[in-house]
């Protein structure tokens, strides 16, 4: 997070993702392999914040845990 400018800077970019997670966390894309699975979201660039990948898991009791937030590398 510190590389991206800290929590306050990316909060606005994550607000939409977190709102979507509250409404329907199962509506996001899912990655699955034989060893693990996770769901993820991608944000658009917002002001000075680059686009982000937000990786999260959903537990059996529907608890959502943000696992990782990472800048999407420019191509």
C-alpha atoms as a PDB file:
ATOM      1  CA  UNK A   1       0.000   0.000   0.000  1.00  0.00           C
ATOM      2  CA  UNK A   2       2.777   2.441   0.774  1.00  0.00           C
ATOM      3  CA  UNK A   3       4.059   2.138  -2.807  1.00  0.00           C
ATOM      4  CA  UNK A   4       0.620   3.212  -4.035  1.00  0.00           C
ATOM      5  CA  UNK A   5       0.553   6.243  -1.721  1.00  0.00           C
ATOM      6  CA  UNK A   6      -1.106   4.751   1.349  1.00  0.00           C
ATOM      7  CA  UNK A   7      -4.664   3.815   2.205  1.00  0.00           C
ATOM      8  CA  UNK A   8      -6.191   7.291   1.971  1.00  0.00           C
ATOM      9  CA  UNK A   9      -5.213   7.734  -1.647  1.00  0.00           C
ATOM     10  CA  UNK A  10      -6.649   4.437  -2.866  1.00  0.00           C
ATOM     11  CA  UNK A  11      -9.779   4.520  -0.681  1.00  0.00           C
ATOM     12  CA  UNK A  12     -11.789   6.334  -3.357  1.00  0.00           C
ATOM     13  CA  UNK A  13     -10.738   3.809  -6.000  1.00  0.00           C
ATOM     14  CA  UNK A  14     -11.740   0.916  -3.737  1.00  0.00           C
ATOM     15  CA  UNK A  15     -15.101   2.391  -2.673  1.00  0.00           C
ATOM     16  CA  UNK A  16     -16.899   1.066  -5.762  1.00  0.00           C
ATOM     17  CA  UNK A  17     -15.358  -2.394  -5.404  1.00  0.00           C
ATOM     18  CA  UNK A  18     -16.258  -2.579  -1.707  1.00  0.00           C
ATOM     19  CA  UNK A  19     -19.819  -1.464  -2.479  1.00  0.00           C
ATOM     20  CA  UNK A  20     -20.062  -4.264  -5.044  1.00  0.00           C
ATOM     21  CA  UNK A  21     -18.686  -6.760  -2.522  1.00  0.00           C
ATOM     22  CA  UNK A  22     -21.379  -5.752  -0.029  1.00  0.00           C
ATOM     23  CA  UNK A  23     -24.101  -6.256  -2.646  1.00  0.00           C
ATOM     24  CA  UNK A  24     -22.928  -9.486  -4.297  1.00  0.00           C
ATOM     25  CA  UNK A  25     -19.381 -10.749  -3.768  1.00  0.00           C
ATOM     26  CA  UNK A  26     -20.126 -13.772  -5.964  1.00  0.00           C
ATOM     27  CA  UNK A  27     -20.680 -11.503  -8.987  1.00  0.00           C
ATOM     28  CA  UNK A  28     -16.950 -10.903  -9.511  1.00  0.00           C
ATOM     29  CA  UNK A  29     -14.612 -12.894 -11.749  1.00  0.00           C
ATOM     30  CA  UNK A  30     -13.095 -16.042 -10.258  1.00  0.00           C
ATOM     31  CA  UNK A  31      -9.722 -17.707 -10.809  1.00  0.00           C
ATOM     32  CA  UNK A  32      -9.492 -21.431 -10.055  1.00  0.00           C
ATOM     33  CA  UNK A  33      -6.704 -23.981 -10.164  1.00  0.00           C
ATOM     34  CA  UNK A  34      -6.150 -27.370  -8.550  1.00  0.00           C
ATOM     35  CA  UNK A  35      -4.337 -25.700  -5.644  1.00  0.00           C
ATOM     36  CA  UNK A  36      -6.329 -22.557  -4.890  1.00  0.00           C
ATOM     37  CA  UNK A  37      -9.011 -20.153  -6.037  1.00  0.00           C
ATOM     38  CA  UNK A  38      -9.808 -16.505  -5.519  1.00  0.00           C
ATOM     39  CA  UNK A  39     -12.009 -13.771  -6.902  1.00  0.00           C
ATOM     40  CA  UNK A  40     -10.811 -10.458  -8.206  1.00  0.00           C
ATOM     41  CA  UNK A  41     -11.866  -7.052  -9.424  1.00  0.00           C
ATOM     42  CA  UNK A  42     -10.131  -4.483 -11.591  1.00  0.00           C
ATOM     43  CA  UNK A  43     -10.493  -0.743 -11.153  1.00  0.00           C
ATOM     44  CA  UNK A  44     -10.018   1.982 -13.736  1.00  0.00           C
ATOM     45  CA  UNK A  45      -7.420   4.701 -13.353  1.00  0.00           C
ATOM     46  CA  UNK A  46      -8.801   7.386 -11.051  1.00  0.00           C
ATOM     47  CA  UNK A  47      -7.055  10.724 -10.695  1.00  0.00           C
ATOM     48  CA  UNK A  48      -3.488   9.952  -9.661  1.00  0.00           C
ATOM     49  CA  UNK A  49      -4.304   6.350  -8.707  1.00  0.00           C
ATOM     50  CA  UNK A  50      -3.344   3.741 -11.317  1.00  0.00           C
ATOM     51  CA  UNK A  51      -5.730   0.906 -12.215  1.00  0.00           C
ATOM     52  CA  UNK A  52      -5.707  -1.810  -9.551  1.00  0.00           C
ATOM     53  CA  UNK A  53      -6.293  -5.524  -9.161  1.00  0.00           C
ATOM     54  CA  UNK A  54      -8.198  -6.303  -5.959  1.00  0.00           C
ATOM     55  CA  UNK A  55      -7.927  -9.953  -4.944  1.00  0.00           C
ATOM     56  CA  UNK A  56     -10.311 -11.308  -2.315  1.00  0.00           C
ATOM     57  CA  UNK A  57     -11.720 -14.508  -0.873  1.00  0.00           C
ATOM     58  CA  UNK A  58     -15.206 -15.425   0.350  1.00  0.00           C
ATOM     59  CA  UNK A  59     -15.458 -17.734   3.350  1.00  0.00           C
ATOM     60  CA  UNK A  60     -18.268 -20.246   3.924  1.00  0.00           C
ATOM     61  CA  UNK A  61     -20.006 -17.757   6.248  1.00  0.00           C
ATOM     62  CA  UNK A  62     -19.888 -15.145   3.407  1.00  0.00           C
ATOM     63  CA  UNK A  63     -17.130 -13.131   5.101  1.00  0.00           C
ATOM     64  CA  UNK A  64     -15.156 -11.297   2.419  1.00  0.00           C
ATOM     65  CA  UNK A  65     -11.423 -10.781   2.971  1.00  0.00           C
ATOM     66  CA  UNK A  66      -9.324  -8.476   0.796  1.00  0.00           C
ATOM     67  CA  UNK A  67      -6.141 -10.461   0.253  1.00  0.00           C
ATOM     68  CA  UNK A  68      -4.095  -8.246  -2.039  1.00  0.00           C
ATOM     69  CA  UNK A  69      -4.280  -4.938  -3.900  1.00  0.00           C
ATOM     70  CA  UNK A  70      -1.809  -4.388  -6.718  1.00  0.00           C
ATOM     71  CA  UNK A  71      -1.193  -1.819  -9.435  1.00  0.00           C
ATOM     72  CA  UNK A  72      -1.933  -3.070 -12.943  1.00  0.00           C
ATOM     73  CA  UNK A  73       1.226  -2.717 -14.990  1.00  0.00           C
ATOM     74  CA  UNK A  74       0.986  -0.564 -18.094  1.00  0.00           C
ATOM     75  CA  UNK A  75       1.306  -2.523 -21.336  1.00  0.00           C
END
